[in-house]
Amino acid sequence: MQRRSLLILGGVAVAAGIGKVALSAMNAVSSPMQNESSGASGAIAQAQQDSSTLAQARKQPLLRFVATADTGSSNENQYAVAAAMTRYYQQNPYKLVVLAGDNIYTDGEIDKINSAFEQPYQALLKNGVVFRACLGNHDIRSANGDRQVQYPGFHMPGRYYTFRDKAVQFFVLDTNVNTDWSTQLPWLEKELSRSNAPWKIVYGHHPIYSSGVYGNTQGFIENLSPLFKKYGVQLYINGHEHSYERTRPINGTTYVITGNGGAHLRAVGRSPWTEYSASRYGFTAFEVFSDRINIQAIATDHQVFDRGTIPLKVA
């Protein structure tokens, strides 16, 4: 409907331009053909401008966001990643950062929040960028992560939660060993089943499929992956592995590990389902369109070292 409205408006602009041409011709005292030609050119120029505006609108994503994890080391590597995120923001504004756990090293101490979060991302925070966190294994070492859940800057209404931004619904998990899966798993299925969002994205700290040092998490493959397939989850984002990896779709879901946000890097290999993997500091940028999600892995030197696309599957 929006596209049709824009096209109609373009038609009105052309009609208005032609009307001006006719009026100019009627009132002309000298060079009537020149006036008519000039008016027609103006109408055509206006139509071309309207077409260009429509083309630009088509190129704009419905939602742009970035993701990072294993960030809270308060070291130069974290600050370098944060600087790259800020530069990307300046060129491609976004309002959301998915923070996929291990937000504060080493033990999740909230008294380190300034050096581990507020200082490195201060430019983004000042511009209103919202960080939505989940808890990693290091975060629960202090007060079981409760103080991080309560910290306003992490925007966590609970240890697991869901939120929607335009065409995307996000489902945020507590994947730690002490989580209550007897409550969280039914909650996840209920929320997935009731969602009418065309795009469904789940994130948590721990991997499901991984070619890193920890490898696959068999319990998650058995209990989470079937829900993803059943309810059409297109993307799962996590950290824990201090590296980057993007899979090919596995039963309809792409798995992206972006644990390269500042903590010391670890080796990563390849599996039959690996599309790309690298042990390199950076973050991951996502642009959501009506028919696809474009993915870019961006390093601290601002180089894009991986690109991928997730198409929207229409049932």
C-alpha atoms as a PDB file:
ATOM      1  CA  MET A   1       0.000   0.000   0.000  1.00  0.00           C
ATOM      2  CA  GLN A   2       2.847   2.397   0.810  1.00  0.00           C
ATOM      3  CA  ARG A   3       4.524   1.720  -2.522  1.00  0.00           C
ATOM      4  CA  ARG A   4       1.262   2.310  -4.350  1.00  0.00           C
ATOM      5  CA  SER A   5       0.713   5.579  -2.493  1.00  0.00           C
ATOM      6  CA  LEU A   6       4.192   6.796  -3.451  1.00  0.00           C
ATOM      7  CA  LEU A   7       3.574   5.899  -7.075  1.00  0.00           C
ATOM      8  CA  ILE A   8       0.239   7.757  -7.003  1.00  0.00           C
ATOM      9  CA  LEU A   9       1.940  10.786  -5.521  1.00  0.00           C
ATOM     10  CA  GLY A  10       4.507  10.591  -8.316  1.00  0.00           C
ATOM     11  CA  GLY A  11       1.671  10.574 -10.834  1.00  0.00           C
ATOM     12  CA  VAL A  12       0.103  13.643  -9.219  1.00  0.00           C
ATOM     13  CA  ALA A  13       3.438  15.422  -9.474  1.00  0.00           C
ATOM     14  CA  VAL A  14       3.642  14.636 -13.182  1.00  0.00           C
ATOM     15  CA  ALA A  15       0.039  15.722 -13.768  1.00  0.00           C
ATOM     16  CA  ALA A  16       0.637  18.961 -11.892  1.00  0.00           C
ATOM     17  CA  GLY A  17       3.724  19.611 -13.980  1.00  0.00           C
ATOM     18  CA  ILE A  18       1.823  19.030 -17.220  1.00  0.00           C
ATOM     19  CA  GLY A  19      -0.930  21.355 -15.990  1.00  0.00           C
ATOM     20  CA  LYS A  20       1.661  24.087 -15.479  1.00  0.00           C
ATOM     21  CA  VAL A  21       2.934  23.481 -19.020  1.00  0.00           C
ATOM     22  CA  ALA A  22      -0.534  24.044 -20.469  1.00  0.00           C
ATOM     23  CA  LEU A  23      -1.124  27.204 -18.431  1.00  0.00           C
ATOM     24  CA  SER A  24       2.277  28.563 -19.433  1.00  0.00           C
ATOM     25  CA  ALA A  25       1.533  27.957 -23.105  1.00  0.00           C
ATOM     26  CA  MET A  26      -1.818  29.800 -22.876  1.00  0.00           C
ATOM     27  CA  ASN A  27      -0.291  32.856 -21.223  1.00  0.00           C
ATOM     28  CA  ALA A  28       2.891  33.012 -23.268  1.00  0.00           C
ATOM     29  CA  VAL A  29       3.540  36.217 -25.267  1.00  0.00           C
ATOM     30  CA  SER A  30       6.746  35.044 -26.934  1.00  0.00           C
ATOM     31  CA  SER A  31       8.406  31.664 -27.631  1.00  0.00           C
ATOM     32  CA  PRO A  32       5.413  29.466 -26.671  1.00  0.00           C
ATOM     33  CA  MET A  33       7.185  26.303 -27.785  1.00  0.00           C
ATOM     34  CA  GLN A  34      10.182  27.123 -25.620  1.00  0.00           C
ATOM     35  CA  ASN A  35       7.927  27.603 -22.557  1.00  0.00           C
ATOM     36  CA  GLU A  36       6.122  24.344 -23.219  1.00  0.00           C
ATOM     37  CA  SER A  37       9.385  22.470 -23.602  1.00  0.00           C
ATOM     38  CA  SER A  38      10.736  23.962 -20.386  1.00  0.00           C
ATOM     39  CA  GLY A  39       7.575  23.033 -18.480  1.00  0.00           C
ATOM     40  CA  ALA A  40       7.609  19.463 -19.780  1.00  0.00           C
ATOM     41  CA  SER A  41      11.243  19.103 -18.783  1.00  0.00           C
ATOM     42  CA  GLY A  42      10.368  20.265 -15.291  1.00  0.00           C
ATOM     43  CA  ALA A  43       7.578  17.709 -15.039  1.00  0.00           C
ATOM     44  CA  ILE A  44       9.891  14.935 -16.202  1.00  0.00           C
ATOM     45  CA  ALA A  45      12.576  16.054 -13.756  1.00  0.00           C
ATOM     46  CA  GLN A  46      10.023  15.977 -10.932  1.00  0.00           C
ATOM     47  CA  ALA A  47       8.926  12.478 -11.918  1.00  0.00           C
ATOM     48  CA  GLN A  48      12.543  11.313 -11.976  1.00  0.00           C
ATOM     49  CA  GLN A  49      13.118  12.800  -8.530  1.00  0.00           C
ATOM     50  CA  ASP A  50      10.025  11.036  -7.174  1.00  0.00           C
ATOM     51  CA  SER A  51      11.241   7.758  -8.691  1.00  0.00           C
ATOM     52  CA  SER A  52      14.667   8.262  -7.106  1.00  0.00           C
ATOM     53  CA  THR A  53      13.067   8.914  -3.708  1.00  0.00           C
ATOM     54  CA  LEU A  54      11.034   5.722  -4.025  1.00  0.00           C
ATOM     55  CA  ALA A  55      14.141   3.737  -4.964  1.00  0.00           C
ATOM     56  CA  GLN A  56      15.980   5.110  -1.938  1.00  0.00           C
ATOM     57  CA  ALA A  57      13.073   4.150   0.331  1.00  0.00           C
ATOM     58  CA  ARG A  58      13.260   0.604  -0.989  1.00  0.00           C
ATOM     59  CA  LYS A  59      16.958   0.426  -0.043  1.00  0.00           C
ATOM     60  CA  GLN A  60      16.384   1.459   3.579  1.00  0.00           C
ATOM     61  CA  PRO A  61      16.143  -1.468   6.028  1.00  0.00           C
ATOM     62  CA  LEU A  62      13.159  -1.899   8.309  1.00  0.00           C
ATOM     63  CA  LEU A  63      15.609  -2.323  11.182  1.00  0.00           C
ATOM     64  CA  ARG A  64      19.351  -2.055  11.566  1.00  0.00           C
ATOM     65  CA  PHE A  65      21.100  -3.407  14.664  1.00  0.00           C
ATOM     66  CA  VAL A  66      24.484  -4.748  15.731  1.00  0.00           C
ATOM     67  CA  ALA A  67      25.474  -7.632  17.989  1.00  0.00           C
ATOM     68  CA  THR A  68      28.522  -8.306  20.135  1.00  0.00           C
ATOM     69  CA  ALA A  69      29.451 -10.567  23.045  1.00  0.00           C
ATOM     70  CA  ASP A  70      32.240 -11.369  25.495  1.00  0.00           C
ATOM     71  CA  THR A  71      32.867  -7.646  25.684  1.00  0.00           C
ATOM     72  CA  GLY A  72      33.373  -6.610  29.288  1.00  0.00           C
ATOM     73  CA  SER A  73      37.131  -6.924  29.573  1.00  0.00           C
ATOM     74  CA  SER A  74      37.733  -3.158  29.987  1.00  0.00           C
ATOM     75  CA  ASN A  75      40.839  -3.535  27.820  1.00  0.00           C
ATOM     76  CA  GLU A  76      42.104  -1.933  24.627  1.00  0.00           C
ATOM     77  CA  ASN A  77      40.543  -4.640  22.466  1.00  0.00           C
ATOM     78  CA  GLN A  78      37.054  -3.934  23.816  1.00  0.00           C
ATOM     79  CA  TYR A  79      37.581  -0.204  23.294  1.00  0.00           C
ATOM     80  CA  ALA A  80      38.764  -0.829  19.730  1.00  0.00           C
ATOM     81  CA  VAL A  81      35.624  -2.836  18.963  1.00  0.00           C
ATOM     82  CA  ALA A  82      33.494  -0.107  20.567  1.00  0.00           C
ATOM     83  CA  ALA A  83      35.219   2.506  18.401  1.00  0.00           C
ATOM     84  CA  ALA A  84      34.462   0.447  15.282  1.00  0.00           C
ATOM     85  CA  MET A  85      30.815   0.157  16.373  1.00  0.00           C
ATOM     86  CA  THR A  86      30.700   3.934  16.812  1.00  0.00           C
ATOM     87  CA  ARG A  87      32.186   4.581  13.382  1.00  0.00           C
ATOM     88  CA  TYR A  88      29.677   2.200  11.806  1.00  0.00           C
ATOM     89  CA  TYR A  89      26.890   4.044  13.657  1.00  0.00           C
ATOM     90  CA  GLN A  90      28.050   7.364  12.205  1.00  0.00           C
ATOM     91  CA  GLN A  91      27.776   5.980   8.685  1.00  0.00           C
ATOM     92  CA  ASN A  92      24.801   3.642   9.246  1.00  0.00           C
ATOM     93  CA  PRO A  93      22.722   4.808  12.243  1.00  0.00           C
ATOM     94  CA  TYR A  94      21.146   2.137  14.428  1.00  0.00           C
ATOM     95  CA  LYS A  95      19.269   2.168  17.719  1.00  0.00           C
ATOM     96  CA  LEU A  96      19.828  -1.338  19.084  1.00  0.00           C
ATOM     97  CA  VAL A  97      22.792  -3.387  20.256  1.00  0.00           C
ATOM     98  CA  VAL A  98      22.319  -7.071  21.101  1.00  0.00           C
ATOM     99  CA  LEU A  99      24.707  -7.755  23.990  1.00  0.00           C
ATOM    100  CA  ALA A 100      25.042 -11.532  24.137  1.00  0.00           C
ATOM    101  CA  GLY A 101      26.626 -12.107  27.524  1.00  0.00           C
ATOM    102  CA  ASP A 102      29.852 -11.930  29.524  1.00  0.00           C
ATOM    103  CA  ASN A 103      29.136  -8.253  29.871  1.00  0.00           C
ATOM    104  CA  ILE A 104      31.558  -7.738  32.791  1.00  0.00           C
ATOM    105  CA  TYR A 105      34.757  -9.680  33.410  1.00  0.00           C
ATOM    106  CA  THR A 106      35.889 -11.507  35.360  1.00  0.00           C
ATOM    107  CA  ASP A 107      33.091 -12.159  37.807  1.00  0.00           C
ATOM    108  CA  GLY A 108      30.245  -9.930  36.649  1.00  0.00           C
ATOM    109  CA  GLU A 109      30.982  -7.277  39.297  1.00  0.00           C
ATOM    110  CA  ILE A 110      28.581  -4.371  38.799  1.00  0.00           C
ATOM    111  CA  ASP A 111      31.105  -1.935  40.291  1.00  0.00           C
ATOM    112  CA  LYS A 112      33.097  -2.340  37.037  1.00  0.00           C
ATOM    113  CA  ILE A 113      30.166  -1.137  34.948  1.00  0.00           C
ATOM    114  CA  ASN A 114      31.856   2.155  34.088  1.00  0.00           C
ATOM    115  CA  SER A 115      35.028   0.717  32.548  1.00  0.00           C
ATOM    116  CA  ALA A 116      33.309  -2.363  31.093  1.00  0.00           C
ATOM    117  CA  PHE A 117      30.278  -0.644  29.575  1.00  0.00           C
ATOM    118  CA  GLU A 118      29.605   3.038  30.125  1.00  0.00           C
ATOM    119  CA  GLN A 119      32.983   4.357  28.980  1.00  0.00           C
ATOM    120  CA  PRO A 120      33.643   2.252  25.861  1.00  0.00           C
ATOM    121  CA  TYR A 121      30.119   2.801  24.491  1.00  0.00           C
ATOM    122  CA  GLN A 122      29.579   6.355  25.765  1.00  0.00           C
ATOM    123  CA  ALA A 123      29.206   7.878  22.279  1.00  0.00           C
ATOM    124  CA  LEU A 124      26.490   5.355  21.375  1.00  0.00           C
ATOM    125  CA  LEU A 125      24.728   5.749  24.721  1.00  0.00           C
ATOM    126  CA  LYS A 126      24.691   9.545  24.363  1.00  0.00           C
ATOM    127  CA  ASN A 127      22.954   9.130  21.015  1.00  0.00           C
ATOM    128  CA  GLY A 128      20.207   6.992  22.530  1.00  0.00           C
ATOM    129  CA  VAL A 129      21.364   3.594  21.312  1.00  0.00           C
ATOM    130  CA  VAL A 130      19.723   0.900  23.454  1.00  0.00           C
ATOM    131  CA  PHE A 131      21.720  -2.122  24.623  1.00  0.00           C
ATOM    132  CA  ARG A 132      19.668  -5.232  25.450  1.00  0.00           C
ATOM    133  CA  ALA A 133      21.735  -7.804  27.302  1.00  0.00           C
ATOM    134  CA  CYS A 134      21.572 -11.415  28.339  1.00  0.00           C
ATOM    135  CA  LEU A 135      23.638 -13.100  31.053  1.00  0.00           C
ATOM    136  CA  GLY A 136      26.831 -15.007  30.337  1.00  0.00           C
ATOM    137  CA  ASN A 137      28.606 -17.503  32.564  1.00  0.00           C
ATOM    138  CA  HIS A 138      30.966 -14.823  33.936  1.00  0.00           C
ATOM    139  CA  ASP A 139      28.035 -12.528  34.716  1.00  0.00           C
ATOM    140  CA  ILE A 140      26.417 -14.953  37.160  1.00  0.00           C
ATOM    141  CA  ARG A 141      29.537 -15.312  39.318  1.00  0.00           C
ATOM    142  CA  SER A 142      28.573 -12.182  41.245  1.00  0.00           C
ATOM    143  CA  ALA A 143      25.125 -12.185  42.924  1.00  0.00           C
ATOM    144  CA  ASN A 144      23.973 -14.685  40.285  1.00  0.00           C
ATOM    145  CA  GLY A 145      23.742 -11.819  37.793  1.00  0.00           C
ATOM    146  CA  ASP A 146      20.865 -10.169  39.649  1.00  0.00           C
ATOM    147  CA  ARG A 147      22.521  -6.757  39.783  1.00  0.00           C
ATOM    148  CA  GLN A 148      23.089  -6.817  36.037  1.00  0.00           C
ATOM    149  CA  VAL A 149      19.431  -7.647  35.472  1.00  0.00           C
ATOM    150  CA  GLN A 150      18.547  -4.654  37.633  1.00  0.00           C
ATOM    151  CA  TYR A 151      21.004  -2.305  35.894  1.00  0.00           C
ATOM    152  CA  PRO A 152      18.927   0.089  33.701  1.00  0.00           C
ATOM    153  CA  GLY A 153      21.527   0.307  30.928  1.00  0.00           C
ATOM    154  CA  PHE A 154      21.121  -3.371  30.052  1.00  0.00           C
ATOM    155  CA  HIS A 155      17.322  -3.113  29.578  1.00  0.00           C
ATOM    156  CA  MET A 156      16.652  -6.570  30.992  1.00  0.00           C
ATOM    157  CA  PRO A 157      13.126  -6.957  32.378  1.00  0.00           C
ATOM    158  CA  GLY A 158      14.107 -10.436  33.549  1.00  0.00           C
ATOM    159  CA  ARG A 159      16.631 -13.229  33.112  1.00  0.00           C
ATOM    160  CA  TYR A 160      14.793 -14.143  29.911  1.00  0.00           C
ATOM    161  CA  TYR A 161      12.394 -11.938  27.997  1.00  0.00           C
ATOM    162  CA  THR A 162      11.039 -10.962  24.592  1.00  0.00           C
ATOM    163  CA  PHE A 163      10.662  -7.653  22.790  1.00  0.00           C
ATOM    164  CA  ARG A 164       9.617  -6.529  19.341  1.00  0.00           C
ATOM    165  CA  ASP A 165      11.086  -3.869  17.087  1.00  0.00           C
ATOM    166  CA  LYS A 166       9.140  -3.298  13.882  1.00  0.00           C
ATOM    167  CA  ALA A 167       9.060  -6.556  11.877  1.00  0.00           C
ATOM    168  CA  VAL A 168      11.401  -8.402  14.249  1.00  0.00           C
ATOM    169  CA  GLN A 169      10.603 -10.162  17.502  1.00  0.00           C
ATOM    170  CA  PHE A 170      13.579 -11.005  19.699  1.00  0.00           C
ATOM    171  CA  PHE A 171      13.592 -13.800  22.266  1.00  0.00           C
ATOM    172  CA  VAL A 172      16.354 -13.466  24.871  1.00  0.00           C
ATOM    173  CA  LEU A 173      17.464 -16.551  26.816  1.00  0.00           C
ATOM    174  CA  ASP A 174      19.374 -17.304  29.992  1.00  0.00           C
ATOM    175  CA  THR A 175      21.484 -20.230  28.799  1.00  0.00           C
ATOM    176  CA  ASN A 176      23.526 -20.662  31.988  1.00  0.00           C
ATOM    177  CA  VAL A 177      23.848 -23.981  33.807  1.00  0.00           C
ATOM    178  CA  ASN A 178      21.723 -22.814  36.750  1.00  0.00           C
ATOM    179  CA  THR A 179      18.763 -21.564  34.731  1.00  0.00           C
ATOM    180  CA  ASP A 180      15.343 -23.100  35.323  1.00  0.00           C
ATOM    181  CA  TRP A 181      14.620 -24.746  31.986  1.00  0.00           C
ATOM    182  CA  SER A 182      11.409 -26.289  33.323  1.00  0.00           C
ATOM    183  CA  THR A 183      10.016 -22.743  33.290  1.00  0.00           C
ATOM    184  CA  GLN A 184      12.023 -21.089  30.533  1.00  0.00           C
ATOM    185  CA  LEU A 185      11.467 -23.700  27.821  1.00  0.00           C
ATOM    186  CA  PRO A 186       7.634 -23.664  28.050  1.00  0.00           C
ATOM    187  CA  TRP A 187       7.788 -19.866  28.151  1.00  0.00           C
ATOM    188  CA  LEU A 188       9.864 -19.818  24.944  1.00  0.00           C
ATOM    189  CA  GLU A 189       7.487 -22.136  23.106  1.00  0.00           C
ATOM    190  CA  LYS A 190       4.482 -20.125  24.228  1.00  0.00           C
ATOM    191  CA  GLU A 191       6.007 -16.829  23.087  1.00  0.00           C
ATOM    192  CA  LEU A 192       7.172 -18.274  19.769  1.00  0.00           C
ATOM    193  CA  SER A 193       3.766 -19.808  19.090  1.00  0.00           C
ATOM    194  CA  ARG A 194       1.901 -16.551  19.688  1.00  0.00           C
ATOM    195  CA  SER A 195       4.277 -14.349  17.685  1.00  0.00           C
ATOM    196  CA  ASN A 196       3.077 -13.037  14.328  1.00  0.00           C
ATOM    197  CA  ALA A 197       6.369 -11.290  13.537  1.00  0.00           C
ATOM    198  CA  PRO A 198       7.742 -12.173  10.088  1.00  0.00           C
ATOM    199  CA  TRP A 199      11.252 -12.282  11.566  1.00  0.00           C
ATOM    200  CA  LYS A 200      12.048 -14.229  14.744  1.00  0.00           C
ATOM    201  CA  ILE A 201      15.505 -13.906  16.288  1.00  0.00           C
ATOM    202  CA  VAL A 202      16.685 -15.719  19.430  1.00  0.00           C
ATOM    203  CA  TYR A 203      19.845 -14.893  21.331  1.00  0.00           C
ATOM    204  CA  GLY A 204      21.654 -16.204  24.371  1.00  0.00           C
ATOM    205  CA  HIS A 205      25.220 -16.521  25.547  1.00  0.00           C
ATOM    206  CA  HIS A 206      26.079 -20.139  24.806  1.00  0.00           C
ATOM    207  CA  PRO A 207      26.436 -21.759  21.380  1.00  0.00           C
ATOM    208  CA  ILE A 208      24.163 -24.374  19.888  1.00  0.00           C
ATOM    209  CA  TYR A 209      26.313 -25.189  16.844  1.00  0.00           C
ATOM    210  CA  SER A 210      29.982 -24.217  17.073  1.00  0.00           C
ATOM    211  CA  SER A 211      33.369 -25.034  15.560  1.00  0.00           C
ATOM    212  CA  GLY A 212      35.191 -23.307  18.426  1.00  0.00           C
ATOM    213  CA  VAL A 213      36.853 -24.708  21.516  1.00  0.00           C
ATOM    214  CA  TYR A 214      33.551 -25.568  23.234  1.00  0.00           C
ATOM    215  CA  GLY A 215      31.887 -27.138  20.224  1.00  0.00           C
ATOM    216  CA  ASN A 216      28.217 -28.019  19.890  1.00  0.00           C
ATOM    217  CA  THR A 217      25.855 -28.026  22.857  1.00  0.00           C
ATOM    218  CA  GLN A 218      23.974 -31.283  22.448  1.00  0.00           C
ATOM    219  CA  GLY A 219      21.245 -30.467  24.953  1.00  0.00           C
ATOM    220  CA  PHE A 220      20.406 -27.278  23.069  1.00  0.00           C
ATOM    221  CA  ILE A 221      20.411 -29.117  19.739  1.00  0.00           C
ATOM    222  CA  GLU A 222      17.867 -31.547  21.200  1.00  0.00           C
ATOM    223  CA  ASN A 223      15.665 -29.022  23.020  1.00  0.00           C
ATOM    224  CA  LEU A 224      15.999 -25.636  21.318  1.00  0.00           C
ATOM    225  CA  SER A 225      16.639 -26.410  17.660  1.00  0.00           C
ATOM    226  CA  PRO A 226      13.330 -28.306  17.197  1.00  0.00           C
ATOM    227  CA  LEU A 227      11.449 -25.262  18.542  1.00  0.00           C
ATOM    228  CA  PHE A 228      13.334 -23.029  16.127  1.00  0.00           C
ATOM    229  CA  LYS A 229      12.326 -25.269  13.240  1.00  0.00           C
ATOM    230  CA  LYS A 230       8.717 -25.612  14.393  1.00  0.00           C
ATOM    231  CA  TYR A 231       8.108 -21.879  14.779  1.00  0.00           C
ATOM    232  CA  GLY A 232      10.317 -20.548  11.997  1.00  0.00           C
ATOM    233  CA  VAL A 233      13.181 -18.914  13.899  1.00  0.00           C
ATOM    234  CA  GLN A 234      15.515 -17.606  11.213  1.00  0.00           C
ATOM    235  CA  LEU A 235      18.490 -16.569  13.356  1.00  0.00           C
ATOM    236  CA  TYR A 236      20.227 -17.463  16.635  1.00  0.00           C
ATOM    237  CA  ILE A 237      22.980 -15.163  17.977  1.00  0.00           C
ATOM    238  CA  ASN A 238      25.427 -16.019  20.781  1.00  0.00           C
ATOM    239  CA  GLY A 239      28.884 -15.528  22.229  1.00  0.00           C
ATOM    240  CA  HIS A 240      30.922 -17.682  24.670  1.00  0.00           C
ATOM    241  CA  GLU A 241      33.258 -18.763  21.897  1.00  0.00           C
ATOM    242  CA  HIS A 242      35.768 -15.907  21.573  1.00  0.00           C
ATOM    243  CA  SER A 243      35.586 -15.891  17.794  1.00  0.00           C
ATOM    244  CA  TYR A 244      33.218 -15.331  14.880  1.00  0.00           C
ATOM    245  CA  GLU A 245      31.286 -17.990  13.019  1.00  0.00           C
ATOM    246  CA  ARG A 246      28.304 -18.016  10.672  1.00  0.00           C
ATOM    247  CA  THR A 247      26.618 -21.250   9.649  1.00  0.00           C
ATOM    248  CA  ARG A 248      24.638 -22.204   6.634  1.00  0.00           C
ATOM    249  CA  PRO A 249      20.943 -22.580   7.494  1.00  0.00           C
ATOM    250  CA  ILE A 250      20.441 -25.668   9.643  1.00  0.00           C
ATOM    251  CA  ASN A 251      16.789 -26.757   9.453  1.00  0.00           C
ATOM    252  CA  GLY A 252      15.953 -23.170   8.498  1.00  0.00           C
ATOM    253  CA  THR A 253      17.990 -21.390  11.188  1.00  0.00           C
ATOM    254  CA  THR A 254      21.286 -19.537  10.721  1.00  0.00           C
ATOM    255  CA  TYR A 255      23.596 -19.540  13.755  1.00  0.00           C
ATOM    256  CA  VAL A 256      25.930 -16.574  14.278  1.00  0.00           C
ATOM    257  CA  ILE A 257      28.627 -16.510  16.970  1.00  0.00           C
ATOM    258  CA  THR A 258      29.926 -13.011  17.669  1.00  0.00           C
ATOM    259  CA  GLY A 259      32.053 -13.546  20.776  1.00  0.00           C
ATOM    260  CA  ASN A 260      34.846 -11.399  19.370  1.00  0.00           C
ATOM    261  CA  GLY A 261      33.915  -8.229  21.263  1.00  0.00           C
ATOM    262  CA  GLY A 262      36.986  -7.727  23.443  1.00  0.00           C
ATOM    263  CA  ALA A 263      37.954 -10.757  25.506  1.00  0.00           C
ATOM    264  CA  HIS A 264      41.056 -12.710  24.440  1.00  0.00           C
ATOM    265  CA  LEU A 265      40.527 -14.497  21.145  1.00  0.00           C
ATOM    266  CA  ARG A 266      40.411 -18.263  20.787  1.00  0.00           C
ATOM    267  CA  ALA A 267      40.916 -20.554  17.825  1.00  0.00           C
ATOM    268  CA  VAL A 268      37.981 -21.548  15.633  1.00  0.00           C
ATOM    269  CA  GLY A 269      37.801 -24.254  12.995  1.00  0.00           C
ATOM    270  CA  ARG A 270      35.241 -25.272  10.406  1.00  0.00           C
ATOM    271  CA  SER A 271      32.428 -27.798  10.292  1.00  0.00           C
ATOM    272  CA  PRO A 272      30.424 -29.140   7.330  1.00  0.00           C
ATOM    273  CA  TRP A 273      27.765 -26.510   8.028  1.00  0.00           C
ATOM    274  CA  THR A 274      30.194 -23.579   8.497  1.00  0.00           C
ATOM    275  CA  GLU A 275      29.809 -20.753   6.002  1.00  0.00           C
ATOM    276  CA  TYR A 276      32.576 -18.601   7.482  1.00  0.00           C
ATOM    277  CA  SER A 277      34.675 -18.504  10.649  1.00  0.00           C
ATOM    278  CA  ALA A 278      37.501 -16.303  11.924  1.00  0.00           C
ATOM    279  CA  SER A 279      39.386 -15.497  15.099  1.00  0.00           C
ATOM    280  CA  ARG A 280      39.309 -11.727  14.733  1.00  0.00           C
ATOM    281  CA  TYR A 281      38.110  -8.835  16.911  1.00  0.00           C
ATOM    282  CA  GLY A 282      34.973  -7.085  15.713  1.00  0.00           C
ATOM    283  CA  PHE A 283      31.173  -7.051  15.817  1.00  0.00           C
ATOM    284  CA  THR A 284      28.294  -8.135  13.587  1.00  0.00           C
ATOM    285  CA  ALA A 285      25.877  -5.788  11.826  1.00  0.00           C
ATOM    286  CA  PHE A 286      22.402  -6.806  10.667  1.00  0.00           C
ATOM    287  CA  GLU A 287      20.047  -5.036   8.266  1.00  0.00           C
ATOM    288  CA  VAL A 288      16.504  -6.376   8.206  1.00  0.00           C
ATOM    289  CA  PHE A 289      14.418  -5.903   5.067  1.00  0.00           C
ATOM    290  CA  SER A 290      10.974  -7.269   4.286  1.00  0.00           C
ATOM    291  CA  ASP A 291      12.448 -10.161   2.300  1.00  0.00           C
ATOM    292  CA  ARG A 292      15.926 -10.731   3.794  1.00  0.00           C
ATOM    293  CA  ILE A 293      18.448 -10.025   6.533  1.00  0.00           C
ATOM    294  CA  ASN A 294      21.880  -8.868   5.406  1.00  0.00           C
ATOM    295  CA  ILE A 295      24.793  -9.761   7.718  1.00  0.00           C
ATOM    296  CA  GLN A 296      28.216  -8.127   7.889  1.00  0.00           C
ATOM    297  CA  ALA A 297      31.100  -9.052  10.195  1.00  0.00           C
ATOM    298  CA  ILE A 298      33.178  -5.914  10.737  1.00  0.00           C
ATOM    299  CA  ALA A 299      36.679  -5.858  12.227  1.00  0.00           C
ATOM    300  CA  THR A 300      38.368  -3.208  14.354  1.00  0.00           C
ATOM    301  CA  ASP A 301      40.132  -1.914  11.234  1.00  0.00           C
ATOM    302  CA  HIS A 302      36.608  -1.338   9.803  1.00  0.00           C
ATOM    303  CA  GLN A 303      37.085  -4.040   7.172  1.00  0.00           C
ATOM    304  CA  VAL A 304      34.064  -6.209   6.376  1.00  0.00           C
ATOM    305  CA  PHE A 305      35.455  -9.736   6.579  1.00  0.00           C
ATOM    306  CA  ASP A 306      32.226 -11.701   6.085  1.00  0.00           C
ATOM    307  CA  ARG A 307      28.929 -11.069   4.329  1.00  0.00           C
ATOM    308  CA  GLY A 308      25.808 -13.210   4.281  1.00  0.00           C
ATOM    309  CA  THR A 309      22.088 -13.083   3.617  1.00  0.00           C
ATOM    310  CA  ILE A 310      19.142 -14.813   5.229  1.00  0.00           C
ATOM    311  CA  PRO A 311      16.105 -14.870   2.916  1.00  0.00           C
ATOM    312  CA  LEU A 312      12.607 -14.727   4.329  1.00  0.00           C
ATOM    313  CA  LYS A 313      10.852 -18.016   3.682  1.00  0.00           C
ATOM    314  CA  VAL A 314       7.192 -17.546   2.870  1.00  0.00           C
ATOM    315  CA  ALA A 315       5.046 -20.432   4.050  1.00  0.00           C
END
